């Protein structure tokens, strides 16, 4: 999402385990295990490995993600994304070339 600037970055080669809460847009390019909570956007870059429960406004995935995702607004998956788990969001876009193994739930927006 080009209209927002990056607040923080977990770069390639970096590894983080635990609970991450933040405001703004965060990019993950390394390895993350745990929980992510934000009212903003999380971007998971190609080459990253994320094993997490994620709750965010927007979730954009191009890397490997395993876990349960809850997005209040939307989830977008770009190749070469690999996703394994459950997605709950009112708007889900999975582009051709993405591997999706799991379930999706799309509640009506209020």
PDB file of N, CA and C in Angstrom:
ATOM      1  N   UNK A   1       0.850  -1.185   0.000  1.00  0.00           N
ATOM      2  CA  UNK A   1       0.000   0.000   0.000  1.00  0.00           C
ATOM      3  C   UNK A   1       0.889   1.239   0.000  1.00  0.00           C
ATOM      4  N   UNK A   2       0.995   1.846  -1.118  1.00  0.00           N
ATOM      5  CA  UNK A   2       1.918   2.961  -1.292  1.00  0.00           C
ATOM      6  C   UNK A   2       1.486   4.223  -0.559  1.00  0.00           C
ATOM      7  N   UNK A   3       0.207   4.336  -0.219  1.00  0.00           N
ATOM      8  CA  UNK A   3      -0.253   5.572   0.412  1.00  0.00           C
ATOM      9  C   UNK A   3       0.121   5.683   1.884  1.00  0.00           C
ATOM     10  N   UNK A   4       0.633   4.619   2.483  1.00  0.00           N
ATOM     11  CA  UNK A   4       1.021   4.679   3.889  1.00  0.00           C
ATOM     12  C   UNK A   4       2.520   4.447   4.021  1.00  0.00           C
ATOM     13  N   UNK A   5       3.127   5.121   4.988  1.00  0.00           N
ATOM     14  CA  UNK A   5       4.556   4.928   5.217  1.00  0.00           C
ATOM     15  C   UNK A   5       4.754   3.822   6.253  1.00  0.00           C
ATOM     16  N   UNK A   6       5.916   3.201   6.207  1.00  0.00           N
ATOM     17  CA  UNK A   6       6.231   2.095   7.097  1.00  0.00           C
ATOM     18  C   UNK A   6       6.642   2.639   8.462  1.00  0.00           C
ATOM     19  N   UNK A   7       6.001   2.119   9.522  1.00  0.00           N
ATOM     20  CA  UNK A   7       6.301   2.521  10.892  1.00  0.00           C
ATOM     21  C   UNK A   7       7.468   1.712  11.458  1.00  0.00           C
ATOM     22  N   UNK A   8       7.481   0.392  11.155  1.00  0.00           N
ATOM     23  CA  UNK A   8       8.533  -0.488  11.667  1.00  0.00           C
ATOM     24  C   UNK A   8       8.757  -1.622  10.682  1.00  0.00           C
ATOM     25  N   UNK A   9       9.928  -2.265  10.799  1.00  0.00           N
ATOM     26  CA  UNK A   9      10.294  -3.338   9.883  1.00  0.00           C
ATOM     27  C   UNK A   9      11.047  -4.418  10.642  1.00  0.00           C
ATOM     28  N   UNK A  10      10.590  -5.650  10.486  1.00  0.00           N
ATOM     29  CA  UNK A  10      11.358  -6.795  10.958  1.00  0.00           C
ATOM     30  C   UNK A  10      11.992  -7.346   9.684  1.00  0.00           C
ATOM     31  N   UNK A  11      13.270  -7.049   9.476  1.00  0.00           N
ATOM     32  CA  UNK A  11      13.920  -7.269   8.190  1.00  0.00           C
ATOM     33  C   UNK A  11      14.380  -8.708   8.008  1.00  0.00           C
ATOM     34  N   UNK A  12      14.815  -9.032   6.775  1.00  0.00           N
ATOM     35  CA  UNK A  12      15.342 -10.350   6.473  1.00  0.00           C
ATOM     36  C   UNK A  12      16.483 -10.656   7.418  1.00  0.00           C
ATOM     37  N   UNK A  13      16.524 -11.898   7.883  1.00  0.00           N
ATOM     38  CA  UNK A  13      17.570 -12.304   8.813  1.00  0.00           C
ATOM     39  C   UNK A  13      17.195 -12.064  10.269  1.00  0.00           C
ATOM     40  N   UNK A  14      16.177 -11.225  10.506  1.00  0.00           N
ATOM     41  CA  UNK A  14      15.734 -10.956  11.883  1.00  0.00           C
ATOM     42  C   UNK A  14      14.668 -11.969  12.271  1.00  0.00           C
ATOM     43  N   UNK A  15      14.629 -12.279  13.565  1.00  0.00           N
ATOM     44  CA  UNK A  15      13.647 -13.213  14.096  1.00  0.00           C
ATOM     45  C   UNK A  15      13.038 -12.611  15.352  1.00  0.00           C
ATOM     46  N   UNK A  16      11.713 -12.706  15.483  1.00  0.00           N
ATOM     47  CA  UNK A  16      11.022 -12.146  16.645  1.00  0.00           C
ATOM     48  C   UNK A  16       9.998 -13.153  17.120  1.00  0.00           C
ATOM     49  N   UNK A  17       9.929 -13.350  18.440  1.00  0.00           N
ATOM     50  CA  UNK A  17       8.941 -14.250  19.007  1.00  0.00           C
ATOM     51  C   UNK A  17       8.251 -13.535  20.156  1.00  0.00           C
ATOM     52  N   UNK A  18       6.906 -13.539  20.147  1.00  0.00           N
ATOM     53  CA  UNK A  18       6.161 -12.909  21.222  1.00  0.00           C
ATOM     54  C   UNK A  18       4.906 -12.228  20.729  1.00  0.00           C
ATOM     55  N   UNK A  19       4.547 -11.144  21.414  1.00  0.00           N
ATOM     56  CA  UNK A  19       3.331 -10.406  21.102  1.00  0.00           C
ATOM     57  C   UNK A  19       3.721  -9.033  20.560  1.00  0.00           C
ATOM     58  N   UNK A  20       3.243  -8.704  19.362  1.00  0.00           N
ATOM     59  CA  UNK A  20       3.558  -7.438  18.724  1.00  0.00           C
ATOM     60  C   UNK A  20       2.290  -6.602  18.624  1.00  0.00           C
ATOM     61  N   UNK A  21       2.324  -5.402  19.204  1.00  0.00           N
ATOM     62  CA  UNK A  21       1.223  -4.453  19.051  1.00  0.00           C
ATOM     63  C   UNK A  21       1.823  -3.161  18.528  1.00  0.00           C
ATOM     64  N   UNK A  22       1.112  -2.495  17.617  1.00  0.00           N
ATOM     65  CA  UNK A  22       1.666  -1.285  17.024  1.00  0.00           C
ATOM     66  C   UNK A  22       0.574  -0.435  16.401  1.00  0.00           C
ATOM     67  N   UNK A  23       0.955   0.793  16.068  1.00  0.00           N
ATOM     68  CA  UNK A  23       0.127   1.697  15.280  1.00  0.00           C
ATOM     69  C   UNK A  23       0.888   2.017  14.011  1.00  0.00           C
ATOM     70  N   UNK A  24       0.185   2.240  12.916  1.00  0.00           N
ATOM     71  CA  UNK A  24       0.843   2.495  11.637  1.00  0.00           C
ATOM     72  C   UNK A  24       1.000   1.208  10.856  1.00  0.00           C
ATOM     73  N   UNK A  25       1.886   1.219   9.880  1.00  0.00           N
ATOM     74  CA  UNK A  25       2.110   0.063   9.019  1.00  0.00           C
ATOM     75  C   UNK A  25       3.431  -0.598   9.370  1.00  0.00           C
ATOM     76  N   UNK A  26       3.390  -1.917   9.596  1.00  0.00           N
ATOM     77  CA  UNK A  26       4.595  -2.679   9.902  1.00  0.00           C
ATOM     78  C   UNK A  26       4.799  -3.719   8.814  1.00  0.00           C
ATOM     79  N   UNK A  27       6.055  -3.860   8.368  1.00  0.00           N
ATOM     80  CA  UNK A  27       6.431  -4.886   7.402  1.00  0.00           C
ATOM     81  C   UNK A  27       7.239  -5.956   8.101  1.00  0.00           C
ATOM     82  N   UNK A  28       6.944  -7.211   7.766  1.00  0.00           N
ATOM     83  CA  UNK A  28       7.735  -8.328   8.264  1.00  0.00           C
ATOM     84  C   UNK A  28       8.404  -8.972   7.058  1.00  0.00           C
ATOM     85  N   UNK A  29       9.735  -9.021   7.077  1.00  0.00           N
ATOM     86  CA  UNK A  29      10.495  -9.662   6.010  1.00  0.00           C
ATOM     87  C   UNK A  29      11.308 -10.825   6.572  1.00  0.00           C
ATOM     88  N   UNK A  30      11.330 -10.963   7.888  1.00  0.00           N
ATOM     89  CA  UNK A  30      12.081 -12.032   8.552  1.00  0.00           C
ATOM     90  C   UNK A  30      11.145 -13.115   9.064  1.00  0.00           C
ATOM     91  N   UNK A  31      11.442 -13.617  10.257  1.00  0.00           N
ATOM     92  CA  UNK A  31      10.651 -14.684  10.875  1.00  0.00           C
ATOM     93  C   UNK A  31       9.955 -14.144  12.116  1.00  0.00           C
ATOM     94  N   UNK A  32       8.669 -14.463  12.252  1.00  0.00           N
ATOM     95  CA  UNK A  32       7.887 -14.016  13.404  1.00  0.00           C
ATOM     96  C   UNK A  32       7.049 -15.175  13.907  1.00  0.00           C
ATOM     97  N   UNK A  33       7.039 -15.360  15.245  1.00  0.00           N
ATOM     98  CA  UNK A  33       6.179 -16.361  15.879  1.00  0.00           C
ATOM     99  C   UNK A  33       5.465 -15.696  17.042  1.00  0.00           C
ATOM    100  N   UNK A  34       4.136 -15.818  17.105  1.00  0.00           N
ATOM    101  CA  UNK A  34       3.411 -15.262  18.239  1.00  0.00           C
ATOM    102  C   UNK A  34       2.080 -14.667  17.850  1.00  0.00           C
ATOM    103  N   UNK A  35       1.827 -13.443  18.353  1.00  0.00           N
ATOM    104  CA  UNK A  35       0.560 -12.761  18.131  1.00  0.00           C
ATOM    105  C   UNK A  35       0.830 -11.341  17.657  1.00  0.00           C
ATOM    106  N   UNK A  36      -0.014 -10.864  16.736  1.00  0.00           N
ATOM    107  CA  UNK A  36       0.093  -9.499  16.228  1.00  0.00           C
ATOM    108  C   UNK A  36      -1.274  -8.843  16.365  1.00  0.00           C
ATOM    109  N   UNK A  37      -1.304  -7.672  17.018  1.00  0.00           N
ATOM    110  CA  UNK A  37      -2.540  -6.914  17.184  1.00  0.00           C
ATOM    111  C   UNK A  37      -2.305  -5.475  16.756  1.00  0.00           C
ATOM    112  N   UNK A  38      -3.159  -4.961  15.856  1.00  0.00           N
ATOM    113  CA  UNK A  38      -3.048  -3.571  15.441  1.00  0.00           C
ATOM    114  C   UNK A  38      -4.385  -3.077  14.907  1.00  0.00           C
ATOM    115  N   UNK A  39      -4.571  -1.778  14.970  1.00  0.00           N
ATOM    116  CA  UNK A  39      -5.740  -1.157  14.349  1.00  0.00           C
ATOM    117  C   UNK A  39      -5.383  -0.676  12.953  1.00  0.00           C
ATOM    118  N   UNK A  40      -4.163  -0.999  12.501  1.00  0.00           N
ATOM    119  CA  UNK A  40      -3.664  -0.520  11.223  1.00  0.00           C
ATOM    120  C   UNK A  40      -3.318  -1.687  10.292  1.00  0.00           C
ATOM    121  N   UNK A  41      -2.213  -1.587   9.558  1.00  0.00           N
ATOM    122  CA  UNK A  41      -1.876  -2.527   8.481  1.00  0.00           C
ATOM    123  C   UNK A  41      -0.611  -3.312   8.787  1.00  0.00           C
ATOM    124  N   UNK A  42      -0.655  -4.607   8.470  1.00  0.00           N
ATOM    125  CA  UNK A  42       0.528  -5.453   8.549  1.00  0.00           C
ATOM    126  C   UNK A  42       0.821  -5.969   7.138  1.00  0.00           C
ATOM    127  N   UNK A  43       2.097  -5.869   6.731  1.00  0.00           N
ATOM    128  CA  UNK A  43       2.525  -6.329   5.407  1.00  0.00           C
ATOM    129  C   UNK A  43       3.557  -7.434   5.620  1.00  0.00           C
ATOM    130  N   UNK A  44       3.296  -8.597   5.033  1.00  0.00           N
ATOM    131  CA  UNK A  44       4.200  -9.734   5.175  1.00  0.00           C
ATOM    132  C   UNK A  44       4.860  -9.958   3.822  1.00  0.00           C
ATOM    133  N   UNK A  45       6.157  -9.662   3.758  1.00  0.00           N
ATOM    134  CA  UNK A  45       6.908  -9.641   2.505  1.00  0.00           C
ATOM    135  C   UNK A  45       7.276 -11.033   2.004  1.00  0.00           C
ATOM    136  N   UNK A  46       7.607 -11.154   0.702  1.00  0.00           N
ATOM    137  CA  UNK A  46       8.103 -12.428   0.172  1.00  0.00           C
ATOM    138  C   UNK A  46       9.358 -12.863   0.927  1.00  0.00           C
ATOM    139  N   UNK A  47       9.485 -14.157   1.149  1.00  0.00           N
ATOM    140  CA  UNK A  47      10.650 -14.687   1.856  1.00  0.00           C
ATOM    141  C   UNK A  47      10.481 -14.742   3.362  1.00  0.00           C
ATOM    142  N   UNK A  48       9.445 -14.106   3.902  1.00  0.00           N
ATOM    143  CA  UNK A  48       9.230 -14.119   5.354  1.00  0.00           C
ATOM    144  C   UNK A  48       8.494 -15.390   5.766  1.00  0.00           C
ATOM    145  N   UNK A  49       8.621 -15.731   7.050  1.00  0.00           N
ATOM    146  CA  UNK A  49       7.910 -16.871   7.626  1.00  0.00           C
ATOM    147  C   UNK A  49       7.223 -16.371   8.892  1.00  0.00           C
ATOM    148  N   UNK A  50       5.885 -16.456   8.907  1.00  0.00           N
ATOM    149  CA  UNK A  50       5.106 -15.955  10.034  1.00  0.00           C
ATOM    150  C   UNK A  50       4.204 -17.076  10.541  1.00  0.00           C
ATOM    151  N   UNK A  51       4.313 -17.349  11.842  1.00  0.00           N
ATOM    152  CA  UNK A  51       3.475 -18.330  12.522  1.00  0.00           C
ATOM    153  C   UNK A  51       2.754 -17.554  13.615  1.00  0.00           C
ATOM    154  N   UNK A  52       1.522 -17.104  13.336  1.00  0.00           N
ATOM    155  CA  UNK A  52       0.911 -16.147  14.272  1.00  0.00           C
ATOM    156  C   UNK A  52      -0.603 -16.093  14.160  1.00  0.00           C
ATOM    157  N   UNK A  53      -1.191 -15.593  15.241  1.00  0.00           N
ATOM    158  CA  UNK A  53      -2.574 -15.139  15.244  1.00  0.00           C
ATOM    159  C   UNK A  53      -2.466 -13.648  14.951  1.00  0.00           C
ATOM    160  N   UNK A  54      -3.154 -13.186  13.909  1.00  0.00           N
ATOM    161  CA  UNK A  54      -3.036 -11.782  13.516  1.00  0.00           C
ATOM    162  C   UNK A  54      -4.411 -11.135  13.514  1.00  0.00           C
ATOM    163  N   UNK A  55      -4.509  -9.990  14.194  1.00  0.00           N
ATOM    164  CA  UNK A  55      -5.717  -9.180  14.179  1.00  0.00           C
ATOM    165  C   UNK A  55      -5.317  -7.781  13.752  1.00  0.00           C
ATOM    166  N   UNK A  56      -5.900  -7.299  12.621  1.00  0.00           N
ATOM    167  CA  UNK A  56      -5.497  -6.012  12.066  1.00  0.00           C
ATOM    168  C   UNK A  56      -6.645  -5.409  11.264  1.00  0.00           C
ATOM    169  N   UNK A  57      -6.462  -4.162  10.865  1.00  0.00           N
ATOM    170  CA  UNK A  57      -7.412  -3.516   9.955  1.00  0.00           C
ATOM    171  C   UNK A  57      -7.243  -4.122   8.557  1.00  0.00           C
ATOM    172  N   UNK A  58      -5.987  -4.152   8.072  1.00  0.00           N
ATOM    173  CA  UNK A  58      -5.641  -4.700   6.760  1.00  0.00           C
ATOM    174  C   UNK A  58      -4.453  -5.642   6.903  1.00  0.00           C
ATOM    175  N   UNK A  59      -4.492  -6.753   6.157  1.00  0.00           N
ATOM    176  CA  UNK A  59      -3.382  -7.700   6.159  1.00  0.00           C
ATOM    177  C   UNK A  59      -3.013  -7.957   4.700  1.00  0.00           C
ATOM    178  N   UNK A  60      -1.741  -7.738   4.372  1.00  0.00           N
ATOM    179  CA  UNK A  60      -1.255  -7.954   3.008  1.00  0.00           C
ATOM    180  C   UNK A  60      -0.143  -8.995   3.080  1.00  0.00           C
ATOM    181  N   UNK A  61      -0.323 -10.095   2.351  1.00  0.00           N
ATOM    182  CA  UNK A  61       0.596 -11.224   2.463  1.00  0.00           C
ATOM    183  C   UNK A  61       1.237 -11.538   1.115  1.00  0.00           C
ATOM    184  N   UNK A  62       2.580 -11.648   1.128  1.00  0.00           N
ATOM    185  CA  UNK A  62       3.317 -12.150  -0.033  1.00  0.00           C
ATOM    186  C   UNK A  62       4.290 -13.250   0.390  1.00  0.00           C
ATOM    187  N   UNK A  63       4.367 -13.533   1.696  1.00  0.00           N
ATOM    188  CA  UNK A  63       5.288 -14.538   2.231  1.00  0.00           C
ATOM    189  C   UNK A  63       4.538 -15.768   2.711  1.00  0.00           C
ATOM    190  N   UNK A  64       5.177 -16.526   3.606  1.00  0.00           N
ATOM    191  CA  UNK A  64       4.600 -17.739   4.175  1.00  0.00           C
ATOM    192  C   UNK A  64       3.929 -17.385   5.500  1.00  0.00           C
ATOM    193  N   UNK A  65       2.652 -17.719   5.637  1.00  0.00           N
ATOM    194  CA  UNK A  65       1.922 -17.422   6.874  1.00  0.00           C
ATOM    195  C   UNK A  65       1.143 -18.656   7.302  1.00  0.00           C
ATOM    196  N   UNK A  66       1.293 -19.002   8.589  1.00  0.00           N
ATOM    197  CA  UNK A  66       0.538 -20.085   9.178  1.00  0.00           C
ATOM    198  C   UNK A  66      -0.137 -19.541  10.426  1.00  0.00           C
ATOM    199  N   UNK A  67      -1.482 -19.663  10.498  1.00  0.00           N
ATOM    200  CA  UNK A  67      -2.191 -19.183  11.678  1.00  0.00           C
ATOM    201  C   UNK A  67      -3.584 -18.715  11.339  1.00  0.00           C
ATOM    202  N   UNK A  68      -4.180 -18.008  12.273  1.00  0.00           N
ATOM    203  CA  UNK A  68      -5.528 -17.482  12.098  1.00  0.00           C
ATOM    204  C   UNK A  68      -5.455 -15.971  11.918  1.00  0.00           C
ATOM    205  N   UNK A  69      -6.117 -15.491  10.858  1.00  0.00           N
ATOM    206  CA  UNK A  69      -6.104 -14.074  10.536  1.00  0.00           C
ATOM    207  C   UNK A  69      -7.500 -13.491  10.719  1.00  0.00           C
ATOM    208  N   UNK A  70      -7.564 -12.303  11.337  1.00  0.00           N
ATOM    209  CA  UNK A  70      -8.811 -11.559  11.450  1.00  0.00           C
ATOM    210  C   UNK A  70      -8.530 -10.133  10.997  1.00  0.00           C
ATOM    211  N   UNK A  71      -9.164  -9.713   9.909  1.00  0.00           N
ATOM    212  CA  UNK A  71      -8.987  -8.346   9.416  1.00  0.00           C
ATOM    213  C   UNK A  71     -10.340  -7.642   9.421  1.00  0.00           C
ATOM    214  N   UNK A  72     -10.374  -6.467  10.024  1.00  0.00           N
ATOM    215  CA  UNK A  72     -11.624  -5.707  10.087  1.00  0.00           C
ATOM    216  C   UNK A  72     -12.022  -5.146   8.727  1.00  0.00           C
ATOM    217  N   UNK A  73     -11.037  -4.897   7.850  1.00  0.00           N
ATOM    218  CA  UNK A  73     -11.338  -4.303   6.547  1.00  0.00           C
ATOM    219  C   UNK A  73     -11.074  -5.266   5.393  1.00  0.00           C
ATOM    220  N   UNK A  74      -9.786  -5.691   5.219  1.00  0.00           N
ATOM    221  CA  UNK A  74      -9.494  -6.584   4.096  1.00  0.00           C
ATOM    222  C   UNK A  74      -8.204  -7.355   4.278  1.00  0.00           C
ATOM    223  N   UNK A  75      -8.130  -8.474   3.524  1.00  0.00           N
ATOM    224  CA  UNK A  75      -6.917  -9.282   3.426  1.00  0.00           C
ATOM    225  C   UNK A  75      -6.626  -9.456   1.941  1.00  0.00           C
ATOM    226  N   UNK A  76      -5.363  -9.203   1.569  1.00  0.00           N
ATOM    227  CA  UNK A  76      -4.925  -9.372   0.191  1.00  0.00           C
ATOM    228  C   UNK A  76      -3.734 -10.326   0.194  1.00  0.00           C
ATOM    229  N   UNK A  77      -3.775 -11.325  -0.688  1.00  0.00           N
ATOM    230  CA  UNK A  77      -2.664 -12.275  -0.816  1.00  0.00           C
ATOM    231  C   UNK A  77      -2.110 -12.196  -2.238  1.00  0.00           C
ATOM    232  N   UNK A  78      -0.800 -11.855  -2.332  1.00  0.00           N
ATOM    233  CA  UNK A  78      -0.090 -11.759  -3.609  1.00  0.00           C
ATOM    234  C   UNK A  78       0.877 -12.936  -3.732  1.00  0.00           C
ATOM    235  N   UNK A  79       1.087 -13.472  -4.953  1.00  0.00           N
ATOM    236  CA  UNK A  79       2.111 -14.507  -5.092  1.00  0.00           C
ATOM    237  C   UNK A  79       3.484 -13.931  -4.747  1.00  0.00           C
ATOM    238  N   UNK A  80       4.384 -14.663  -4.153  1.00  0.00           N
ATOM    239  CA  UNK A  80       4.366 -16.115  -3.966  1.00  0.00           C
ATOM    240  C   UNK A  80       3.824 -16.547  -2.597  1.00  0.00           C
ATOM    241  N   UNK A  81       2.801 -15.916  -2.089  1.00  0.00           N
ATOM    242  CA  UNK A  81       2.265 -16.202  -0.752  1.00  0.00           C
ATOM    243  C   UNK A  81       1.829 -17.658  -0.610  1.00  0.00           C
ATOM    244  N   UNK A  82       2.100 -18.183   0.595  1.00  0.00           N
ATOM    245  CA  UNK A  82       1.588 -19.489   0.994  1.00  0.00           C
ATOM    246  C   UNK A  82       0.894 -19.252   2.322  1.00  0.00           C
ATOM    247  N   UNK A  83      -0.392 -19.617   2.398  1.00  0.00           N
ATOM    248  CA  UNK A  83      -1.159 -19.409   3.621  1.00  0.00           C
ATOM    249  C   UNK A  83      -1.770 -20.720   4.068  1.00  0.00           C
ATOM    250  N   UNK A  84      -1.634 -21.012   5.382  1.00  0.00           N
ATOM    251  CA  UNK A  84      -2.250 -22.191   5.987  1.00  0.00           C
ATOM    252  C   UNK A  84      -2.957 -21.739   7.255  1.00  0.00           C
ATOM    253  N   UNK A  85      -4.287 -21.866   7.281  1.00  0.00           N
ATOM    254  CA  UNK A  85      -5.021 -21.469   8.479  1.00  0.00           C
ATOM    255  C   UNK A  85      -6.420 -21.006   8.163  1.00  0.00           C
ATOM    256  N   UNK A  86      -6.900 -20.089   8.992  1.00  0.00           N
ATOM    257  CA  UNK A  86      -8.261 -19.578   8.886  1.00  0.00           C
ATOM    258  C   UNK A  86      -8.239 -18.071   8.705  1.00  0.00           C
ATOM    259  N   UNK A  87      -9.078 -17.588   7.805  1.00  0.00           N
ATOM    260  CA  UNK A  87      -9.187 -16.170   7.508  1.00  0.00           C
ATOM    261  C   UNK A  87     -10.607 -15.709   7.831  1.00  0.00           C
ATOM    262  N   UNK A  88     -10.730 -14.595   8.564  1.00  0.00           N
ATOM    263  CA  UNK A  88     -12.031 -13.971   8.807  1.00  0.00           C
ATOM    264  C   UNK A  88     -11.906 -12.507   8.426  1.00  0.00           C
ATOM    265  N   UNK A  89     -12.676 -12.085   7.420  1.00  0.00           N
ATOM    266  CA  UNK A  89     -12.617 -10.709   6.934  1.00  0.00           C
ATOM    267  C   UNK A  89     -13.814 -10.433   6.029  1.00  0.00           C
ATOM    268  N   UNK A  90     -14.277  -9.194   5.967  1.00  0.00           N
ATOM    269  CA  UNK A  90     -15.361  -8.885   5.037  1.00  0.00           C
ATOM    270  C   UNK A  90     -14.899  -8.808   3.579  1.00  0.00           C
ATOM    271  N   UNK A  91     -13.584  -8.676   3.324  1.00  0.00           N
ATOM    272  CA  UNK A  91     -13.071  -8.559   1.954  1.00  0.00           C
ATOM    273  C   UNK A  91     -11.782  -9.367   1.820  1.00  0.00           C
ATOM    274  N   UNK A  92     -11.788 -10.364   0.929  1.00  0.00           N
ATOM    275  CA  UNK A  92     -10.634 -11.239   0.743  1.00  0.00           C
ATOM    276  C   UNK A  92     -10.292 -11.295  -0.741  1.00  0.00           C
ATOM    277  N   UNK A  93      -9.017 -10.997  -1.068  1.00  0.00           N
ATOM    278  CA  UNK A  93      -8.547 -11.106  -2.449  1.00  0.00           C
ATOM    279  C   UNK A  93      -7.338 -12.036  -2.479  1.00  0.00           C
ATOM    280  N   UNK A  94      -7.473 -13.126  -3.224  1.00  0.00           N
ATOM    281  CA  UNK A  94      -6.388 -14.088  -3.385  1.00  0.00           C
ATOM    282  C   UNK A  94      -6.027 -14.096  -4.864  1.00  0.00           C
ATOM    283  N   UNK A  95      -4.832 -13.636  -5.181  1.00  0.00           N
ATOM    284  CA  UNK A  95      -4.411 -13.560  -6.577  1.00  0.00           C
ATOM    285  C   UNK A  95      -3.933 -14.922  -7.069  1.00  0.00           C
ATOM    286  N   UNK A  96      -3.977 -15.108  -8.386  1.00  0.00           N
ATOM    287  CA  UNK A  96      -3.527 -16.341  -9.001  1.00  0.00           C
ATOM    288  C   UNK A  96      -2.067 -16.587  -8.651  1.00  0.00           C
ATOM    289  N   UNK A  97      -1.760 -17.843  -8.281  1.00  0.00           N
ATOM    290  CA  UNK A  97      -0.397 -18.193  -7.910  1.00  0.00           C
ATOM    291  C   UNK A  97      -0.187 -18.310  -6.411  1.00  0.00           C
ATOM    292  N   UNK A  98      -1.178 -17.911  -5.627  1.00  0.00           N
ATOM    293  CA  UNK A  98      -1.103 -18.015  -4.166  1.00  0.00           C
ATOM    294  C   UNK A  98      -1.546 -19.420  -3.754  1.00  0.00           C
ATOM    295  N   UNK A  99      -0.849 -20.009  -2.769  1.00  0.00           N
ATOM    296  CA  UNK A  99      -1.263 -21.288  -2.202  1.00  0.00           C
ATOM    297  C   UNK A  99      -2.085 -20.990  -0.951  1.00  0.00           C
ATOM    298  N   UNK A 100      -3.340 -21.429  -0.931  1.00  0.00           N
ATOM    299  CA  UNK A 100      -4.249 -21.189   0.199  1.00  0.00           C
ATOM    300  C   UNK A 100      -4.756 -22.534   0.691  1.00  0.00           C
ATOM    301  N   UNK A 101      -4.372 -22.894   1.924  1.00  0.00           N
ATOM    302  CA  UNK A 101      -4.832 -24.132   2.544  1.00  0.00           C
ATOM    303  C   UNK A 101      -5.538 -23.758   3.833  1.00  0.00           C
ATOM    304  N   UNK A 102      -6.871 -23.872   3.825  1.00  0.00           N
ATOM    305  CA  UNK A 102      -7.587 -23.538   5.049  1.00  0.00           C
ATOM    306  C   UNK A 102      -9.013 -23.153   4.778  1.00  0.00           C
ATOM    307  N   UNK A 103      -9.534 -22.277   5.620  1.00  0.00           N
ATOM    308  CA  UNK A 103     -10.930 -21.868   5.538  1.00  0.00           C
ATOM    309  C   UNK A 103     -11.023 -20.350   5.554  1.00  0.00           C
ATOM    310  N   UNK A 104     -12.082 -19.849   4.935  1.00  0.00           N
ATOM    311  CA  UNK A 104     -12.320 -18.418   4.976  1.00  0.00           C
ATOM    312  C   UNK A 104     -13.746 -18.154   5.434  1.00  0.00           C
ATOM    313  N   UNK A 105     -13.899 -17.128   6.250  1.00  0.00           N
ATOM    314  CA  UNK A 105     -15.195 -16.686   6.750  1.00  0.00           C
ATOM    315  C   UNK A 105     -15.316 -15.216   6.417  1.00  0.00           C
ATOM    316  N   UNK A 106     -16.441 -14.851   5.787  1.00  0.00           N
ATOM    317  CA  UNK A 106     -16.618 -13.472   5.357  1.00  0.00           C
ATOM    318  C   UNK A 106     -17.904 -12.903   5.942  1.00  0.00           C
ATOM    319  N   UNK A 107     -17.817 -12.373   7.172  1.00  0.00           N
ATOM    320  CA  UNK A 107     -19.008 -11.779   7.782  1.00  0.00           C
ATOM    321  C   UNK A 107     -19.404 -10.505   7.048  1.00  0.00           C
ATOM    322  N   UNK A 108     -20.661 -10.175   7.104  1.00  0.00           N
ATOM    323  CA  UNK A 108     -21.130  -8.932   6.473  1.00  0.00           C
ATOM    324  C   UNK A 108     -20.565  -7.738   7.200  1.00  0.00           C
ATOM    325  N   UNK A 109     -20.168  -6.712   6.433  1.00  0.00           N
ATOM    326  CA  UNK A 109     -19.690  -5.467   7.055  1.00  0.00           C
ATOM    327  C   UNK A 109     -20.886  -4.746   7.655  1.00  0.00           C
ATOM    328  N   UNK A 110     -20.666  -4.117   8.816  1.00  0.00           N
ATOM    329  CA  UNK A 110     -21.789  -3.378   9.412  1.00  0.00           C
ATOM    330  C   UNK A 110     -21.717  -1.921   9.079  1.00  0.00           C
TER     331      UNK A 110
END
